[in-house]
């Protein structure tokens, strides 16, 4: 399959739905972080990405949404050689993050503290430019929705068998 190289305008055309492969190439230098985060979401939540076109003034163009059981996990906005993750947290999640704020990186903490509140939620727009921010986003996703459990019983049986 040939991957079409897209310029900035490629993600602004509502009539041109880019593929995940095209987006992955487009984020360029941030490709490793993109693949890490999308694989984390897929592996832990068993959800597929949903491509949508947004006319929102803040981040217009194509984006990738992830939802689990009707609940938004995050929206990823591809940019040339980077991407931004939008994670919306509700009051309960805000409280959980606030208690553990010292465990998060400086950038995440700054965005969190300065994010305005709308209907009891904070909209965290995070440029994913380093591993610390990537790990902070994963941590918040796990607070929002618990990851699917692995087959613990099967693992227990294997471990128990080795000790009997």
C-alpha atoms as a PDB file:
ATOM      1  CA  UNK A   1       0.000   0.000   0.000  1.00  0.00           C
ATOM      2  CA  UNK A   2       1.350   3.405  -0.971  1.00  0.00           C
ATOM      3  CA  UNK A   3       1.230   6.058   1.716  1.00  0.00           C
ATOM      4  CA  UNK A   4       0.331   9.480   0.371  1.00  0.00           C
ATOM      5  CA  UNK A   5       2.459  12.288   1.762  1.00  0.00           C
ATOM      6  CA  UNK A   6       0.152  14.997   3.036  1.00  0.00           C
ATOM      7  CA  UNK A   7       0.949  18.593   3.735  1.00  0.00           C
ATOM      8  CA  UNK A   8      -0.781  20.656   6.417  1.00  0.00           C
ATOM      9  CA  UNK A   9      -3.706  21.269   4.081  1.00  0.00           C
ATOM     10  CA  UNK A  10      -4.246  17.490   3.784  1.00  0.00           C
ATOM     11  CA  UNK A  11      -5.829  17.309   7.227  1.00  0.00           C
ATOM     12  CA  UNK A  12      -7.983  20.392   6.693  1.00  0.00           C
ATOM     13  CA  UNK A  13     -10.002  18.986   3.780  1.00  0.00           C
ATOM     14  CA  UNK A  14     -13.236  17.429   5.065  1.00  0.00           C
ATOM     15  CA  UNK A  15     -13.540  15.505   1.792  1.00  0.00           C
ATOM     16  CA  UNK A  16     -10.168  13.735   2.200  1.00  0.00           C
ATOM     17  CA  UNK A  17     -10.358  11.217   5.013  1.00  0.00           C
ATOM     18  CA  UNK A  18      -6.718  10.328   5.855  1.00  0.00           C
ATOM     19  CA  UNK A  19      -5.801   6.802   6.890  1.00  0.00           C
ATOM     20  CA  UNK A  20      -4.202   5.938  10.218  1.00  0.00           C
ATOM     21  CA  UNK A  21      -1.012   5.114   8.286  1.00  0.00           C
ATOM     22  CA  UNK A  22      -0.984   8.594   6.708  1.00  0.00           C
ATOM     23  CA  UNK A  23      -1.489  10.236  10.078  1.00  0.00           C
ATOM     24  CA  UNK A  24       1.248   8.115  11.644  1.00  0.00           C
ATOM     25  CA  UNK A  25       3.676   9.288   8.966  1.00  0.00           C
ATOM     26  CA  UNK A  26       2.465  12.885   9.239  1.00  0.00           C
ATOM     27  CA  UNK A  27       3.295  13.187  12.942  1.00  0.00           C
ATOM     28  CA  UNK A  28       6.893  12.462  11.886  1.00  0.00           C
ATOM     29  CA  UNK A  29       9.295  13.063  14.770  1.00  0.00           C
ATOM     30  CA  UNK A  30       6.525  12.174  17.248  1.00  0.00           C
ATOM     31  CA  UNK A  31       5.717   8.883  15.515  1.00  0.00           C
ATOM     32  CA  UNK A  32       7.156   6.823  18.388  1.00  0.00           C
ATOM     33  CA  UNK A  33       4.979   8.608  20.960  1.00  0.00           C
ATOM     34  CA  UNK A  34       1.942   8.333  18.648  1.00  0.00           C
ATOM     35  CA  UNK A  35       2.432   4.585  18.182  1.00  0.00           C
ATOM     36  CA  UNK A  36       3.107   4.067  21.900  1.00  0.00           C
ATOM     37  CA  UNK A  37      -0.089   5.885  22.943  1.00  0.00           C
ATOM     38  CA  UNK A  38      -2.366   4.353  20.296  1.00  0.00           C
ATOM     39  CA  UNK A  39      -1.019   0.864  21.076  1.00  0.00           C
ATOM     40  CA  UNK A  40      -1.521   1.472  24.813  1.00  0.00           C
ATOM     41  CA  UNK A  41      -5.150   2.473  24.196  1.00  0.00           C
ATOM     42  CA  UNK A  42      -5.822  -0.461  21.886  1.00  0.00           C
ATOM     43  CA  UNK A  43      -4.171  -3.030  24.182  1.00  0.00           C
ATOM     44  CA  UNK A  44      -5.706  -1.779  27.436  1.00  0.00           C
ATOM     45  CA  UNK A  45      -9.172  -0.760  26.305  1.00  0.00           C
ATOM     46  CA  UNK A  46      -9.816  -2.880  23.213  1.00  0.00           C
ATOM     47  CA  UNK A  47     -11.139   0.095  21.257  1.00  0.00           C
ATOM     48  CA  UNK A  48     -10.546   1.166  17.681  1.00  0.00           C
ATOM     49  CA  UNK A  49      -9.799   4.719  16.588  1.00  0.00           C
ATOM     50  CA  UNK A  50     -12.597   6.779  15.077  1.00  0.00           C
ATOM     51  CA  UNK A  51     -11.619   9.367  12.479  1.00  0.00           C
ATOM     52  CA  UNK A  52     -13.659  12.562  12.683  1.00  0.00           C
ATOM     53  CA  UNK A  53     -13.464  15.963  11.063  1.00  0.00           C
ATOM     54  CA  UNK A  54     -13.773  18.933  13.385  1.00  0.00           C
ATOM     55  CA  UNK A  55     -14.666  22.491  12.451  1.00  0.00           C
ATOM     56  CA  UNK A  56     -13.770  23.643  15.956  1.00  0.00           C
ATOM     57  CA  UNK A  57     -11.822  26.900  15.880  1.00  0.00           C
ATOM     58  CA  UNK A  58      -9.267  25.660  18.436  1.00  0.00           C
ATOM     59  CA  UNK A  59      -8.201  22.517  16.521  1.00  0.00           C
ATOM     60  CA  UNK A  60      -9.897  22.285  13.114  1.00  0.00           C
ATOM     61  CA  UNK A  61      -9.260  19.345  10.792  1.00  0.00           C
ATOM     62  CA  UNK A  62      -9.109  15.578  11.078  1.00  0.00           C
ATOM     63  CA  UNK A  63      -8.615  13.989  14.482  1.00  0.00           C
ATOM     64  CA  UNK A  64      -8.660  10.542  16.034  1.00  0.00           C
ATOM     65  CA  UNK A  65     -11.129   9.832  18.835  1.00  0.00           C
ATOM     66  CA  UNK A  66     -11.070   6.981  21.307  1.00  0.00           C
ATOM     67  CA  UNK A  67     -14.161   6.043  23.329  1.00  0.00           C
ATOM     68  CA  UNK A  68     -14.919   3.167  25.674  1.00  0.00           C
ATOM     69  CA  UNK A  69     -18.547   2.285  26.471  1.00  0.00           C
ATOM     70  CA  UNK A  70     -19.677   5.709  25.265  1.00  0.00           C
ATOM     71  CA  UNK A  71     -17.148   7.506  27.470  1.00  0.00           C
ATOM     72  CA  UNK A  72     -14.458   9.622  25.840  1.00  0.00           C
ATOM     73  CA  UNK A  73     -10.921   8.467  26.569  1.00  0.00           C
ATOM     74  CA  UNK A  74      -9.116  11.080  24.485  1.00  0.00           C
ATOM     75  CA  UNK A  75      -8.928  12.801  21.120  1.00  0.00           C
ATOM     76  CA  UNK A  76      -5.638  12.990  19.233  1.00  0.00           C
ATOM     77  CA  UNK A  77      -4.937  15.914  16.913  1.00  0.00           C
ATOM     78  CA  UNK A  78      -2.187  15.183  14.376  1.00  0.00           C
ATOM     79  CA  UNK A  79       0.155  18.028  13.508  1.00  0.00           C
ATOM     80  CA  UNK A  80       3.216  18.184  11.291  1.00  0.00           C
ATOM     81  CA  UNK A  81       5.944  16.349  13.263  1.00  0.00           C
ATOM     82  CA  UNK A  82       3.872  16.366  16.477  1.00  0.00           C
ATOM     83  CA  UNK A  83       0.417  15.783  17.925  1.00  0.00           C
ATOM     84  CA  UNK A  84      -1.777  17.022  20.724  1.00  0.00           C
ATOM     85  CA  UNK A  85      -3.949  14.898  23.009  1.00  0.00           C
ATOM     86  CA  UNK A  86      -7.182  16.260  24.447  1.00  0.00           C
ATOM     87  CA  UNK A  87      -8.196  14.558  27.668  1.00  0.00           C
ATOM     88  CA  UNK A  88     -11.355  15.814  29.378  1.00  0.00           C
ATOM     89  CA  UNK A  89     -11.509  15.064  33.095  1.00  0.00           C
ATOM     90  CA  UNK A  90     -14.604  15.310  35.297  1.00  0.00           C
ATOM     91  CA  UNK A  91     -14.856  16.382  38.961  1.00  0.00           C
ATOM     92  CA  UNK A  92     -14.050  12.920  40.353  1.00  0.00           C
ATOM     93  CA  UNK A  93     -10.999  12.604  38.098  1.00  0.00           C
ATOM     94  CA  UNK A  94      -9.924  16.171  38.920  1.00  0.00           C
ATOM     95  CA  UNK A  95      -9.927  15.226  42.607  1.00  0.00           C
ATOM     96  CA  UNK A  96      -7.910  12.049  41.935  1.00  0.00           C
ATOM     97  CA  UNK A  97      -5.366  13.959  39.844  1.00  0.00           C
ATOM     98  CA  UNK A  98      -5.126  16.782  42.405  1.00  0.00           C
ATOM     99  CA  UNK A  99      -4.258  14.321  45.171  1.00  0.00           C
ATOM    100  CA  UNK A 100      -1.459  12.838  43.041  1.00  0.00           C
ATOM    101  CA  UNK A 101      -0.363  16.018  41.244  1.00  0.00           C
ATOM    102  CA  UNK A 102       3.191  15.797  42.576  1.00  0.00           C
ATOM    103  CA  UNK A 103       3.666  12.524  40.680  1.00  0.00           C
ATOM    104  CA  UNK A 104       2.985  14.175  37.318  1.00  0.00           C
ATOM    105  CA  UNK A 105       5.501  16.042  35.186  1.00  0.00           C
ATOM    106  CA  UNK A 106       5.909  19.822  35.220  1.00  0.00           C
ATOM    107  CA  UNK A 107       4.225  20.367  31.829  1.00  0.00           C
ATOM    108  CA  UNK A 108       1.158  18.281  32.706  1.00  0.00           C
ATOM    109  CA  UNK A 109       0.889  19.974  36.105  1.00  0.00           C
ATOM    110  CA  UNK A 110       1.039  23.419  34.492  1.00  0.00           C
ATOM    111  CA  UNK A 111      -1.647  22.549  31.908  1.00  0.00           C
ATOM    112  CA  UNK A 112      -3.837  20.970  34.600  1.00  0.00           C
ATOM    113  CA  UNK A 113      -3.593  23.956  36.969  1.00  0.00           C
ATOM    114  CA  UNK A 114      -4.283  26.472  34.194  1.00  0.00           C
ATOM    115  CA  UNK A 115      -7.093  24.589  32.450  1.00  0.00           C
ATOM    116  CA  UNK A 116     -10.387  26.362  32.787  1.00  0.00           C
ATOM    117  CA  UNK A 117     -13.397  24.523  34.112  1.00  0.00           C
ATOM    118  CA  UNK A 118     -16.514  24.006  31.994  1.00  0.00           C
ATOM    119  CA  UNK A 119     -19.510  22.200  33.492  1.00  0.00           C
ATOM    120  CA  UNK A 120     -17.277  20.733  36.192  1.00  0.00           C
ATOM    121  CA  UNK A 121     -14.762  19.369  33.665  1.00  0.00           C
ATOM    122  CA  UNK A 122     -11.275  20.435  32.673  1.00  0.00           C
ATOM    123  CA  UNK A 123     -10.165  20.165  29.069  1.00  0.00           C
ATOM    124  CA  UNK A 124      -6.481  19.251  29.026  1.00  0.00           C
ATOM    125  CA  UNK A 125      -4.803  19.978  25.665  1.00  0.00           C
ATOM    126  CA  UNK A 126      -1.381  18.343  25.901  1.00  0.00           C
ATOM    127  CA  UNK A 127       1.273  18.448  23.205  1.00  0.00           C
ATOM    128  CA  UNK A 128       2.969  15.056  23.352  1.00  0.00           C
ATOM    129  CA  UNK A 129       6.630  15.981  22.969  1.00  0.00           C
ATOM    130  CA  UNK A 130       8.319  13.778  25.580  1.00  0.00           C
ATOM    131  CA  UNK A 131       7.979  10.480  27.440  1.00  0.00           C
ATOM    132  CA  UNK A 132       6.961  12.166  30.691  1.00  0.00           C
ATOM    133  CA  UNK A 133       3.907  13.758  29.061  1.00  0.00           C
ATOM    134  CA  UNK A 134       3.096  10.482  27.303  1.00  0.00           C
ATOM    135  CA  UNK A 135       3.228   8.607  30.631  1.00  0.00           C
ATOM    136  CA  UNK A 136       1.129  11.307  32.338  1.00  0.00           C
ATOM    137  CA  UNK A 137      -1.581  10.908  29.685  1.00  0.00           C
ATOM    138  CA  UNK A 138      -1.579   7.128  30.145  1.00  0.00           C
ATOM    139  CA  UNK A 139      -1.933   7.596  33.915  1.00  0.00           C
ATOM    140  CA  UNK A 140      -4.921   9.911  33.471  1.00  0.00           C
ATOM    141  CA  UNK A 141      -6.563   7.503  31.011  1.00  0.00           C
ATOM    142  CA  UNK A 142      -6.243   4.750  33.630  1.00  0.00           C
ATOM    143  CA  UNK A 143      -7.935   7.047  36.167  1.00  0.00           C
ATOM    144  CA  UNK A 144     -10.753   7.790  33.720  1.00  0.00           C
ATOM    145  CA  UNK A 145     -11.445   4.181  32.732  1.00  0.00           C
ATOM    146  CA  UNK A 146      -9.855   1.140  34.312  1.00  0.00           C
ATOM    147  CA  UNK A 147      -7.939  -0.899  31.719  1.00  0.00           C
ATOM    148  CA  UNK A 148      -9.406  -4.257  30.770  1.00  0.00           C
ATOM    149  CA  UNK A 149      -8.140  -6.999  33.032  1.00  0.00           C
ATOM    150  CA  UNK A 150      -5.917  -9.716  31.726  1.00  0.00           C
ATOM    151  CA  UNK A 151      -6.971 -13.296  32.360  1.00  0.00           C
ATOM    152  CA  UNK A 152      -5.825 -13.312  35.992  1.00  0.00           C
ATOM    153  CA  UNK A 153      -7.202 -16.788  36.753  1.00  0.00           C
ATOM    154  CA  UNK A 154      -5.159 -18.363  33.984  1.00  0.00           C
ATOM    155  CA  UNK A 155      -2.014 -16.593  35.216  1.00  0.00           C
ATOM    156  CA  UNK A 156      -2.750 -17.684  38.803  1.00  0.00           C
ATOM    157  CA  UNK A 157      -3.078 -21.310  37.709  1.00  0.00           C
ATOM    158  CA  UNK A 158       0.284 -21.235  35.930  1.00  0.00           C
ATOM    159  CA  UNK A 159       2.041 -19.582  38.892  1.00  0.00           C
ATOM    160  CA  UNK A 160       0.374 -21.931  41.412  1.00  0.00           C
ATOM    161  CA  UNK A 161       1.319 -24.975  39.375  1.00  0.00           C
ATOM    162  CA  UNK A 162       4.989 -23.977  39.503  1.00  0.00           C
ATOM    163  CA  UNK A 163       4.919 -23.814  43.314  1.00  0.00           C
ATOM    164  CA  UNK A 164       3.010 -27.031  44.001  1.00  0.00           C
END
